[in-house]
Amino acid sequence: MNSILDQPQLAEPFLGSVLASAGLDVEYIRGEGNTLFMRGADGREIPVVDYAGGYGSLLLGHNHPALTAYAKSLLDARVPVHAQFSLHPEANRLALALNRVIQREVGDEEPYLAIFANSGAEANEAAVKHAELDRVLRLQAVLEKIGTDLEPVRSAVRSDLATVPPAVFEQLGLTPQASSPAALEELVDALTRLNAVQAARPPVLLSPEGSFHGKLVGSVQLTHNEGYRAPFKALATQARFVPVDQPGALRRIVDEERSTLLGLTVEDGLVKVTAQDTPVFCAFMVEPIQGEGGIRELSKEFAEEIQRVCAEIDCPVIIDEIQSGMGRTGDFLASSALGLRGDYYTLAKSLGGGIAKTSALLIRESRYQGQFELIHSSTFAKDGFSSLIALKVIELIEADDGRVYRLAAERGTRLKDMLASVHKDYPEVVKDVRGRGLMTGIEFHDQSDAPAPPIQEAARAGLFGYLLAGHLLRGHRIRTFPTASAANTLRFEPSVFLSDDEIQQLDTALRDICDIIRGNYQRPLSLPAT
């Protein structure tokens, strides 16, 4: 069989060249548990410990035997994949199962209604799309009420039961004139024009600095990394990114974006202008632990500020649990430990057990707009196969009184303790260790002025983390990557079956890297051939 390298590369060839530059251009031919097997130069299988874990998709590891056996049985049973616009009892069972877990964890019985999708980015886009529909409907309701409330004002002025004071004309930028029905209509026209301007404003989307919510047309606008976002600014509404370390910053941004819609009422025989907030805020989308932003957990203080301010302005909170959810942190939802309650939740990655490509958008019943189901759809979403696989995943996670949650917490603590030990022993190389459960990261100090030219060049090009990843793979048979928006931070998101030996293997590898960086070893970070 010809080597893959002997074939013309037509599938994302530029990415292939980037992988090659970091020594990450390998072919994986099999996966089992925490191990991927790459093809060596002689065709033999070489085991690699997978700490990347499908960017959080493999809480239960590669090809979990119970899941693969179940998937085979579903295929043998010819479970339908394409039965759109019909009843989907499997999807409903999945929605009920998700509700049982979430209601238990957040301590609230209000149900969440489910919309299914195929990927995390698609679930996030559906969440924003639904939130915008809800905002538009609320805006229309306010405008309709303002119009309805004008009728008794007109009647009062026509009947000489009310007059229009000169100050009211001035408030709307008009020249004062004598009160009359005609003058009132001029006032109403001015008010309607002002309201139309406010109603036409684009929605305001809010998200913390460092956020990552996908790379599709809409979701990329909520991704803070400008390298992903800037080329596509003209395609969708821009977000306001909130500093996470400045108390009061959210309030300041909200005050800058607020606007009012005007109405008229009669009080004590006088026409007066009323004002109320324009429903301009579409949603606040937030990760409880920022994955691509460098494995950074929200503080409880910032979580509380989000909850409080968003409640005051009636802005729904969308919690992106795509990478952090499904038990990875020791809780089903990483946000629950922060006391953060969502109007929307998005789940994906481990929801499919590493087999199915599926995601879920869960919407609080009191926020739900049923008509959304008729104007949003997806060909592959909600199919029987994916829904049943996801149900099996929840069953496995919940089994033995939540053993998977306990494993995630215990294995995560063991992993983080090891990383902290490396940090303690190499403080001039390692800057920080962060994360919770099996979503952890280690950040290295900037090496832009490193004495070794290859390290310096990689750091200045923003490729330092990929250089480290290449060395870990080629030199230590460990697979991981830097986070997308924090290239000096390596991520570790293995399965709950992570062993002590695998943790020790990573410990040895990281200490090797640190020794090379600080110059104890007179050799470069190597990319040896397989």
Protein backbone atom coordinates (compact mmCIF):
# COMPACT_ATOMS: atom_id res chain seq x y z
CA MET A 1 0.00 0.00 0.00
CA ASN A 2 1.33 3.42 -0.90
CA SER A 3 2.18 5.73 1.98
CA ILE A 4 -0.21 8.59 2.59
CA LEU A 5 2.75 10.91 2.06
CA ASP A 6 3.17 9.57 -1.49
CA GLN A 7 -0.31 10.74 -2.47
CA PRO A 8 -1.25 14.25 -3.60
CA GLN A 9 -2.72 16.13 -0.66
CA LEU A 10 -6.02 17.66 -1.75
CA ALA A 11 -7.77 17.57 1.65
CA GLU A 12 -6.75 20.78 3.44
CA PRO A 13 -3.18 20.76 2.11
CA PHE A 14 -2.16 24.00 3.86
CA LEU A 15 -3.06 22.52 7.25
CA GLY A 16 -0.99 19.49 6.33
CA SER A 17 2.06 21.67 5.82
CA VAL A 18 1.50 23.33 9.21
CA LEU A 19 1.28 19.92 10.88
CA ALA A 20 4.48 18.85 9.16
CA SER A 21 6.35 21.93 10.40
CA ALA A 22 5.53 20.94 14.01
CA GLY A 23 6.09 17.21 13.57
CA LEU A 24 2.39 16.48 13.97
CA ASP A 25 1.85 15.03 10.48
CA VAL A 26 1.12 11.47 11.50
CA GLU A 27 -1.60 9.01 10.57
CA TYR A 28 -3.67 7.35 13.28
CA ILE A 29 -5.11 3.99 12.38
CA ARG A 30 -6.81 2.81 15.56
CA GLY A 31 -8.11 4.14 18.86
CA GLU A 32 -8.83 2.40 22.14
CA GLY A 33 -9.36 3.92 25.59
CA ASN A 34 -6.77 6.67 26.11
CA THR A 35 -4.60 5.37 23.29
CA LEU A 36 -4.34 6.22 19.62
CA PHE A 37 -2.15 4.06 17.43
CA MET A 38 -0.16 5.89 14.77
CA ARG A 39 1.37 4.28 11.73
CA GLY A 40 5.16 4.09 11.87
CA ALA A 41 7.45 4.41 8.86
CA ASP A 42 7.56 0.63 8.59
CA GLY A 43 3.77 0.32 8.89
CA ARG A 44 3.75 -0.93 12.47
CA GLU A 45 1.39 0.47 15.11
CA ILE A 46 2.89 2.86 17.64
CA PRO A 47 0.78 3.58 20.76
CA VAL A 48 0.31 7.22 21.73
CA VAL A 49 -1.35 8.42 24.94
CA ASP A 50 -4.15 10.75 23.85
CA TYR A 51 -4.39 13.75 26.15
CA ALA A 52 -6.15 15.82 23.45
CA GLY A 53 -9.18 13.58 23.75
CA GLY A 54 -10.99 14.93 20.72
CA TYR A 55 -10.92 18.43 22.27
CA GLY A 56 -13.12 17.11 25.08
CA SER A 57 -15.17 14.62 23.06
CA LEU A 58 -13.78 11.46 24.63
CA LEU A 59 -14.77 11.47 28.28
CA LEU A 60 -15.36 7.72 27.88
CA GLY A 61 -12.32 7.17 25.68
CA HIS A 62 -11.90 5.93 22.13
CA ASN A 63 -14.34 3.21 21.09
CA HIS A 64 -15.78 2.45 24.50
CA PRO A 65 -16.72 -1.26 24.24
CA ALA A 66 -20.28 -0.78 25.51
CA LEU A 67 -20.86 2.06 23.05
CA THR A 68 -19.35 0.32 20.05
CA ALA A 69 -21.35 -2.84 20.75
CA TYR A 70 -24.50 -0.77 21.11
CA ALA A 71 -23.76 1.14 17.90
CA LYS A 72 -23.34 -2.14 16.03
CA SER A 73 -26.66 -3.39 17.37
CA LEU A 74 -28.40 -0.20 16.24
CA LEU A 75 -26.94 -0.51 12.76
CA ASP A 76 -27.91 -4.17 12.63
CA ALA A 77 -31.44 -3.20 13.68
CA ARG A 78 -31.50 -0.66 10.83
CA VAL A 79 -32.48 2.22 13.11
CA PRO A 80 -33.57 5.04 10.78
CA VAL A 81 -31.28 8.01 10.36
CA HIS A 82 -33.40 9.93 7.89
CA ALA A 83 -37.01 10.14 9.03
CA GLN A 84 -37.42 13.90 9.10
CA PHE A 85 -40.75 15.57 9.90
CA SER A 86 -42.05 12.68 11.94
CA LEU A 87 -42.18 11.73 15.60
CA HIS A 88 -38.79 11.04 17.17
CA PRO A 89 -39.40 9.19 20.45
CA GLU A 90 -35.66 8.54 20.91
CA ALA A 91 -34.94 12.27 20.82
CA ASN A 92 -37.69 12.89 23.35
CA ARG A 93 -36.26 10.23 25.65
CA LEU A 94 -32.89 11.95 25.36
CA ALA A 95 -34.43 15.33 26.21
CA LEU A 96 -36.11 13.81 29.27
CA ALA A 97 -32.86 12.18 30.39
CA LEU A 98 -30.95 15.46 30.04
CA ASN A 99 -33.65 17.25 32.01
CA ARG A 100 -33.50 14.75 34.85
CA VAL A 101 -29.76 15.27 35.27
CA ILE A 102 -29.83 19.06 34.91
CA GLN A 103 -32.82 19.55 37.20
CA ARG A 104 -31.13 17.44 39.85
CA GLU A 105 -27.92 19.41 39.56
CA VAL A 106 -29.34 22.94 39.51
CA GLY A 107 -32.15 22.18 41.98
CA ASP A 108 -34.96 23.55 39.82
CA GLU A 109 -37.90 21.67 38.30
CA GLU A 110 -38.54 24.02 35.37
CA PRO A 111 -38.04 21.92 32.24
CA TYR A 112 -35.74 22.70 29.34
CA LEU A 113 -37.03 22.05 25.84
CA ALA A 114 -34.57 20.57 23.38
CA ILE A 115 -33.46 21.42 19.87
CA PHE A 116 -30.90 19.00 18.43
CA ALA A 117 -28.02 19.67 16.07
CA ASN A 118 -24.85 18.05 14.76
CA SER A 119 -21.99 20.03 16.29
CA GLY A 120 -21.25 22.43 19.11
CA ALA A 121 -20.94 25.43 16.82
CA GLU A 122 -24.32 24.60 15.26
CA ALA A 123 -25.94 24.31 18.69
CA ASN A 124 -24.49 27.70 19.65
CA GLU A 125 -25.77 29.27 16.46
CA ALA A 126 -29.21 27.81 17.08
CA ALA A 127 -29.14 29.23 20.60
CA VAL A 128 -28.35 32.74 19.37
CA LYS A 129 -30.90 32.38 16.58
CA HIS A 130 -33.63 31.40 19.06
CA ALA A 131 -32.61 34.19 21.44
CA GLU A 132 -32.88 36.70 18.61
CA LEU A 133 -36.34 35.42 17.68
CA ASP A 134 -37.37 35.84 21.30
CA ARG A 135 -35.91 39.36 21.39
CA VAL A 136 -37.68 40.39 18.18
CA LEU A 137 -41.00 39.08 19.50
CA ARG A 138 -40.52 40.98 22.77
CA LEU A 139 -39.63 44.12 20.81
CA GLN A 140 -42.75 43.77 18.66
CA ALA A 141 -44.88 43.33 21.78
CA VAL A 142 -43.48 46.53 23.31
CA LEU A 143 -44.09 48.51 20.11
CA GLU A 144 -47.63 47.15 19.84
CA LYS A 145 -48.38 48.14 23.44
CA ILE A 146 -47.02 51.63 22.80
CA GLY A 147 -49.37 51.91 19.81
CA THR A 148 -52.32 50.58 21.80
CA ASP A 149 -51.64 53.01 24.65
CA LEU A 150 -51.84 55.97 22.24
CA GLU A 151 -55.58 55.50 21.70
CA PRO A 152 -56.74 56.62 25.16
CA VAL A 153 -54.35 59.59 24.90
CA ARG A 154 -55.90 60.61 21.57
CA SER A 155 -59.38 60.22 23.03
CA ALA A 156 -58.52 62.34 26.07
CA VAL A 157 -57.07 65.18 23.95
CA ARG A 158 -60.00 65.11 21.52
CA SER A 159 -62.42 65.31 24.45
CA ASP A 160 -60.47 68.15 26.11
CA LEU A 161 -59.84 65.87 29.08
CA ALA A 162 -56.09 66.28 28.60
CA THR A 163 -53.68 68.82 27.14
CA VAL A 164 -50.19 68.55 25.73
CA PRO A 165 -47.73 70.72 27.70
CA PRO A 166 -45.05 72.63 25.71
CA ALA A 167 -42.29 70.67 27.45
CA VAL A 168 -43.50 67.44 25.82
CA PHE A 169 -42.88 68.88 22.34
CA GLU A 170 -39.40 69.94 23.42
CA GLN A 171 -38.64 66.45 24.74
CA LEU A 172 -39.18 65.09 21.24
CA GLY A 173 -37.26 67.87 19.50
CA LEU A 174 -40.33 69.75 18.27
CA THR A 175 -41.31 73.42 18.50
CA PRO A 176 -43.90 73.87 21.24
CA GLN A 177 -47.41 74.65 20.04
CA ALA A 178 -50.91 74.85 21.40
CA SER A 179 -52.48 71.62 22.50
CA SER A 180 -54.79 70.12 19.87
CA PRO A 181 -55.52 66.77 18.23
CA ALA A 182 -53.45 67.85 15.21
CA ALA A 183 -50.52 68.83 17.43
CA LEU A 184 -50.78 65.50 19.20
CA GLU A 185 -50.56 63.64 15.88
CA GLU A 186 -47.41 65.60 15.04
CA LEU A 187 -46.08 64.49 18.40
CA VAL A 188 -47.04 60.87 17.69
CA ASP A 189 -45.30 60.98 14.30
CA ALA A 190 -42.07 62.23 15.91
CA LEU A 191 -42.28 59.58 18.62
CA THR A 192 -42.88 56.84 16.03
CA ARG A 193 -39.84 57.95 14.01
CA LEU A 194 -37.62 57.93 17.10
CA ASN A 195 -38.87 54.49 18.10
CA ALA A 196 -38.30 53.15 14.59
CA VAL A 197 -34.64 54.19 14.79
CA GLN A 198 -34.20 52.40 18.13
CA ALA A 199 -36.11 49.32 16.99
CA ALA A 200 -33.88 49.01 13.92
CA ARG A 201 -30.70 48.84 15.98
CA PRO A 202 -28.80 45.55 15.58
CA PRO A 203 -29.00 43.27 18.59
CA VAL A 204 -26.27 43.39 21.21
CA LEU A 205 -24.48 40.10 21.87
CA LEU A 206 -22.33 39.83 24.98
CA SER A 207 -19.52 37.42 25.80
CA PRO A 208 -16.42 37.44 28.03
CA GLU A 209 -13.00 38.22 26.65
CA GLY A 210 -11.23 34.97 25.76
CA SER A 211 -14.42 33.26 24.62
CA PHE A 212 -14.57 30.61 21.93
CA HIS A 213 -17.94 29.45 20.63
CA GLY A 214 -17.17 28.12 17.17
CA LYS A 215 -16.03 29.20 13.73
CA LEU A 216 -19.26 29.32 11.74
CA VAL A 217 -20.57 32.63 10.39
CA GLY A 218 -22.50 33.54 13.54
CA SER A 219 -20.57 31.73 16.25
CA VAL A 220 -17.24 33.18 15.12
CA GLN A 221 -18.56 36.63 16.00
CA LEU A 222 -18.74 35.43 19.62
CA THR A 223 -15.18 34.09 19.48
CA HIS A 224 -12.84 36.66 20.97
CA ASN A 225 -9.72 35.72 18.99
CA GLU A 226 -9.61 38.40 16.31
CA GLY A 227 -7.61 36.19 13.99
CA TYR A 228 -10.67 33.98 13.58
CA ARG A 229 -13.21 36.79 13.68
CA ALA A 230 -11.83 39.82 11.81
CA PRO A 231 -12.12 38.58 8.20
CA PHE A 232 -15.84 37.94 8.69
CA LYS A 233 -16.97 41.03 10.57
CA ALA A 234 -19.22 42.16 7.75
CA LEU A 235 -21.22 38.93 7.75
CA ALA A 236 -22.97 39.09 11.12
CA THR A 237 -23.70 41.14 14.22
CA GLN A 238 -20.62 41.96 16.29
CA ALA A 239 -20.37 41.04 19.97
CA ARG A 240 -19.27 43.19 22.88
CA PHE A 241 -16.55 41.36 24.79
CA VAL A 242 -16.56 41.89 28.52
CA PRO A 243 -13.30 41.95 30.54
CA VAL A 244 -13.40 39.11 33.07
CA ASP A 245 -11.08 40.77 35.58
CA GLN A 246 -12.71 44.21 35.86
CA PRO A 247 -15.62 44.29 38.32
CA GLY A 248 -18.35 46.52 36.95
CA ALA A 249 -17.23 46.21 33.32
CA LEU A 250 -20.41 44.38 32.33
CA ARG A 251 -22.55 47.09 33.91
CA ARG A 252 -20.59 49.79 32.06
CA ILE A 253 -21.04 48.07 28.68
CA VAL A 254 -24.74 47.51 29.35
CA ASP A 255 -25.21 51.19 30.19
CA GLU A 256 -23.40 52.18 26.97
CA GLU A 257 -25.66 49.98 24.85
CA ARG A 258 -29.00 50.67 26.52
CA SER A 259 -31.67 52.64 24.67
CA THR A 260 -35.30 53.50 25.27
CA LEU A 261 -38.60 53.33 23.44
CA LEU A 262 -40.99 56.22 24.02
CA GLY A 263 -44.73 56.25 24.60
CA LEU A 264 -47.41 58.65 25.73
CA THR A 265 -49.76 58.55 28.69
CA VAL A 266 -52.13 60.89 30.52
CA GLU A 267 -51.58 61.81 34.16
CA ASP A 268 -53.68 64.44 35.97
CA GLY A 269 -55.01 65.77 32.69
CA LEU A 270 -51.54 66.20 31.13
CA VAL A 271 -49.95 64.19 28.33
CA LYS A 272 -46.57 62.87 29.40
CA VAL A 273 -43.77 60.96 27.67
CA THR A 274 -43.02 57.51 29.05
CA ALA A 275 -39.81 55.57 28.44
CA GLN A 276 -38.83 51.95 28.76
CA ASP A 277 -35.78 49.93 27.82
CA THR A 278 -35.56 48.75 24.23
CA PRO A 279 -35.16 44.95 24.10
CA VAL A 280 -31.75 45.32 22.45
CA PHE A 281 -29.75 42.66 24.31
CA CYS A 282 -29.96 39.34 22.46
CA ALA A 283 -27.92 37.11 24.78
CA PHE A 284 -24.88 36.72 26.98
CA MET A 285 -22.98 33.61 25.86
CA VAL A 286 -20.42 32.21 28.28
CA GLU A 287 -18.20 29.17 28.89
CA PRO A 288 -17.85 28.30 32.59
CA ILE A 289 -14.31 27.19 31.74
CA GLN A 290 -12.85 28.77 28.64
CA GLY A 291 -11.33 25.99 26.60
CA GLU A 292 -9.70 27.57 23.56
CA GLY A 293 -9.08 30.72 25.61
CA GLY A 294 -6.47 28.92 27.72
CA ILE A 295 -8.39 26.69 30.18
CA ARG A 296 -9.56 29.62 32.29
CA GLU A 297 -12.39 29.16 34.78
CA LEU A 298 -14.80 31.99 35.45
CA SER A 299 -14.65 33.39 38.95
CA LYS A 300 -17.73 32.99 41.12
CA GLU A 301 -17.83 36.77 41.45
CA PHE A 302 -18.00 37.28 37.69
CA ALA A 303 -20.58 34.50 37.37
CA GLU A 304 -22.72 36.26 39.98
CA GLU A 305 -22.36 39.57 38.14
CA ILE A 306 -23.46 37.96 34.87
CA GLN A 307 -26.50 36.44 36.57
CA ARG A 308 -27.50 39.66 38.31
CA VAL A 309 -27.01 42.12 35.46
CA CYS A 310 -28.59 39.89 32.81
CA ALA A 311 -31.66 39.37 35.01
CA GLU A 312 -32.02 43.14 35.41
CA ILE A 313 -31.96 43.79 31.65
CA ASP A 314 -33.89 40.63 30.68
CA CYS A 315 -30.92 39.30 28.70
CA PRO A 316 -30.89 35.50 28.45
CA VAL A 317 -27.75 33.67 29.53
CA ILE A 318 -26.51 30.99 27.14
CA ILE A 319 -24.08 28.62 28.87
CA ASP A 320 -21.76 26.86 26.46
CA GLU A 321 -20.99 23.51 28.13
CA ILE A 322 -19.81 21.92 24.90
CA GLN A 323 -16.29 21.25 26.13
CA SER A 324 -16.77 21.46 29.91
CA GLY A 325 -20.04 19.59 30.32
CA MET A 326 -21.12 15.95 30.41
CA GLY A 327 -19.24 15.23 33.66
CA ARG A 328 -15.74 16.26 32.57
CA THR A 329 -15.23 18.50 35.62
CA GLY A 330 -16.82 16.14 38.16
CA ASP A 331 -20.27 17.70 37.70
CA PHE A 332 -22.56 17.25 34.73
CA LEU A 333 -22.41 21.01 34.20
CA ALA A 334 -19.25 22.93 35.07
CA SER A 335 -21.42 26.03 35.56
CA SER A 336 -23.38 24.49 38.43
CA ALA A 337 -20.34 24.68 40.75
CA LEU A 338 -20.15 28.42 40.01
CA GLY A 339 -23.81 28.97 40.90
CA LEU A 340 -24.47 30.09 37.30
CA ARG A 341 -27.90 29.18 35.92
CA GLY A 342 -28.56 29.31 32.21
CA ASP A 343 -31.65 30.18 30.22
CA TYR A 344 -30.00 28.09 27.51
CA TYR A 345 -27.43 25.28 27.65
CA THR A 346 -25.49 23.87 24.72
CA LEU A 347 -23.97 20.38 24.86
CA ALA A 348 -21.97 18.43 22.29
CA LYS A 349 -18.60 16.61 22.08
CA SER A 350 -18.86 13.85 24.73
CA LEU A 351 -22.64 13.75 24.26
CA GLY A 352 -21.93 11.56 21.23
CA GLY A 353 -19.59 9.27 23.14
CA GLY A 354 -16.84 9.71 20.56
CA ILE A 355 -19.02 7.94 17.99
CA ALA A 356 -22.06 10.05 17.07
CA LYS A 357 -21.84 13.61 15.81
CA THR A 358 -24.59 15.23 17.81
CA SER A 359 -25.34 18.24 19.97
CA ALA A 360 -28.21 19.65 21.98
CA LEU A 361 -29.59 23.09 22.67
CA LEU A 362 -31.69 23.19 25.85
CA ILE A 363 -33.99 26.18 26.37
CA ARG A 364 -35.75 27.07 29.59
CA GLU A 365 -39.48 26.55 29.09
CA SER A 366 -40.37 30.11 30.13
CA ARG A 367 -38.10 31.41 27.32
CA TYR A 368 -39.12 28.93 24.66
CA GLN A 369 -40.70 30.05 21.38
CA GLY A 370 -42.43 27.06 19.79
CA GLN A 371 -42.53 28.60 16.32
CA PHE A 372 -38.74 28.32 16.21
CA GLU A 373 -39.20 24.64 15.40
CA LEU A 374 -40.83 25.56 12.07
CA ILE A 375 -38.19 28.07 10.96
CA HIS A 376 -35.09 26.15 12.06
CA SER A 377 -34.17 22.62 11.07
CA SER A 378 -31.24 20.35 10.24
CA THR A 379 -31.15 17.32 7.96
CA PHE A 380 -29.14 15.06 10.26
CA ALA A 381 -30.25 16.36 13.67
CA LYS A 382 -32.45 14.34 16.04
CA ASP A 383 -31.93 11.05 14.20
CA GLY A 384 -32.58 7.78 15.99
CA PHE A 385 -28.99 6.52 15.90
CA SER A 386 -27.40 9.64 17.43
CA SER A 387 -30.16 10.06 20.00
CA LEU A 388 -29.85 6.47 21.20
CA ILE A 389 -26.04 6.69 21.38
CA ALA A 390 -26.37 9.86 23.47
CA LEU A 391 -28.87 8.12 25.74
CA LYS A 392 -26.39 5.31 26.23
CA VAL A 393 -23.67 7.85 27.09
CA ILE A 394 -25.86 9.38 29.81
CA GLU A 395 -26.65 5.90 31.11
CA LEU A 396 -22.93 5.12 31.39
CA ILE A 397 -22.14 8.44 33.05
CA GLU A 398 -24.94 8.05 35.59
CA ALA A 399 -24.24 4.35 36.31
CA ASP A 400 -23.07 3.17 39.73
CA ASP A 401 -24.43 6.26 41.43
CA GLY A 402 -22.37 8.59 39.22
CA ARG A 403 -19.04 6.74 39.25
CA VAL A 404 -17.88 8.63 36.15
CA TYR A 405 -18.29 11.97 37.94
CA ARG A 406 -16.20 10.70 40.84
CA LEU A 407 -13.55 9.35 38.49
CA ALA A 408 -13.38 12.66 36.60
CA ALA A 409 -12.88 14.57 39.84
CA GLU A 410 -10.34 12.13 41.30
CA ARG A 411 -8.32 11.62 38.11
CA GLY A 412 -8.45 15.37 37.48
CA THR A 413 -7.06 16.11 40.93
CA ARG A 414 -4.27 13.60 40.43
CA LEU A 415 -3.41 15.11 37.03
CA LYS A 416 -3.52 18.69 38.30
CA ASP A 417 -1.35 17.82 41.31
CA MET A 418 1.28 16.46 38.93
CA LEU A 419 1.13 19.61 36.79
CA ALA A 420 1.40 21.75 39.92
CA SER A 421 4.51 19.81 40.92
CA VAL A 422 6.11 20.56 37.55
CA HIS A 423 5.16 24.22 37.99
CA LYS A 424 6.76 24.28 41.45
CA ASP A 425 9.99 22.73 40.20
CA TYR A 426 10.26 24.89 37.06
CA PRO A 427 8.76 28.30 37.96
CA GLU A 428 10.97 30.10 35.43
CA VAL A 429 9.55 27.91 32.63
CA VAL A 430 5.96 27.21 33.70
CA LYS A 431 3.76 30.23 34.33
CA ASP A 432 0.52 28.66 35.59
CA VAL A 433 -1.59 25.54 35.95
CA ARG A 434 -5.36 25.89 35.57
CA GLY A 435 -8.59 23.98 35.17
CA ARG A 436 -10.94 21.63 36.95
CA GLY A 437 -11.44 17.90 36.71
CA LEU A 438 -10.26 16.50 33.39
CA MET A 439 -10.12 19.89 31.71
CA THR A 440 -6.72 21.23 32.70
CA GLY A 441 -3.95 23.27 31.15
CA ILE A 442 -0.34 24.23 31.78
CA GLU A 443 0.85 27.65 30.61
CA PHE A 444 4.50 28.30 29.77
CA HIS A 445 6.24 31.65 30.05
CA ASP A 446 6.74 33.54 26.81
CA GLN A 447 9.91 32.30 25.10
CA SER A 448 10.24 35.08 22.51
CA ASP A 449 13.71 35.84 23.90
CA ALA A 450 14.79 32.27 24.48
CA PRO A 451 18.51 31.64 23.80
CA ALA A 452 17.76 28.66 21.54
CA PRO A 453 16.85 30.02 18.07
CA PRO A 454 14.23 27.33 17.19
CA ILE A 455 12.35 27.99 20.44
CA GLN A 456 12.61 31.75 19.98
CA GLU A 457 11.42 31.59 16.39
CA ALA A 458 8.47 29.36 17.23
CA ALA A 459 7.43 31.63 20.11
CA ARG A 460 7.60 34.77 17.97
CA ALA A 461 5.54 33.06 15.26
CA GLY A 462 2.86 32.01 17.77
CA LEU A 463 3.77 28.35 17.26
CA PHE A 464 5.55 27.62 20.54
CA GLY A 465 2.78 25.35 21.84
CA TYR A 466 2.77 23.37 18.59
CA LEU A 467 6.54 22.92 18.83
CA LEU A 468 6.04 21.47 22.32
CA ALA A 469 3.22 19.25 21.05
CA GLY A 470 5.46 17.91 18.29
CA HIS A 471 8.19 17.07 20.80
CA LEU A 472 5.71 15.35 23.12
CA LEU A 473 4.42 13.26 20.24
CA ARG A 474 7.68 12.32 18.58
CA GLY A 475 9.81 12.12 21.69
CA HIS A 476 7.39 10.80 24.31
CA ARG A 477 4.39 9.32 22.45
CA ILE A 478 2.00 11.79 24.01
CA ARG A 479 -0.66 13.61 22.00
CA THR A 480 -1.90 17.03 22.99
CA PHE A 481 -2.12 20.54 21.55
CA PRO A 482 -2.08 24.14 22.66
CA THR A 483 -5.37 25.95 23.09
CA ALA A 484 -6.37 27.84 19.96
CA SER A 485 -6.28 31.35 21.42
CA ALA A 486 -3.49 30.87 23.96
CA ALA A 487 -0.61 29.22 22.13
CA ASN A 488 1.58 28.95 25.24
CA THR A 489 -0.99 26.78 27.05
CA LEU A 490 -1.10 23.03 26.52
CA ARG A 491 -4.46 21.38 27.15
CA PHE A 492 -5.14 18.01 28.75
CA GLU A 493 -8.61 16.49 28.31
CA PRO A 494 -8.20 12.71 28.61
CA SER A 495 -10.87 10.17 29.46
CA VAL A 496 -11.90 9.17 32.97
CA PHE A 497 -9.86 5.99 32.53
CA LEU A 498 -6.58 7.89 32.68
CA SER A 499 -4.06 5.73 34.55
CA ASP A 500 -1.32 6.61 37.02
CA ASP A 501 1.23 5.30 34.52
CA GLU A 502 -0.09 7.66 31.85
CA ILE A 503 0.09 10.57 34.28
CA GLN A 504 3.69 9.59 35.11
CA GLN A 505 4.49 9.42 31.39
CA LEU A 506 3.28 13.00 30.97
CA ASP A 507 5.18 14.08 34.08
CA THR A 508 8.44 12.73 32.63
CA ALA A 509 7.75 14.35 29.25
CA LEU A 510 6.95 17.79 30.68
CA ARG A 511 10.05 17.76 32.86
CA ASP A 512 12.09 16.88 29.79
CA ILE A 513 10.61 19.89 27.98
CA CYS A 514 11.30 22.18 30.92
CA ASP A 515 14.91 21.00 31.17
CA ILE A 516 15.45 21.67 27.47
CA ILE A 517 13.86 25.13 27.65
CA ARG A 518 15.93 26.26 30.59
CA GLY A 519 19.10 24.89 29.01
CA ASN A 520 19.96 21.98 31.27
CA TYR A 521 20.13 19.68 28.26
CA GLN A 522 22.43 20.65 25.43
CA ARG A 523 19.96 19.57 22.77
CA PRO A 524 16.98 21.19 21.06
CA LEU A 525 13.36 20.21 21.22
CA SER A 526 13.52 17.31 18.84
CA LEU A 527 11.16 15.95 16.26
CA PRO A 528 12.62 12.45 15.79
CA ALA A 529 11.37 10.30 12.97
CA THR A 530 8.95 7.55 13.86
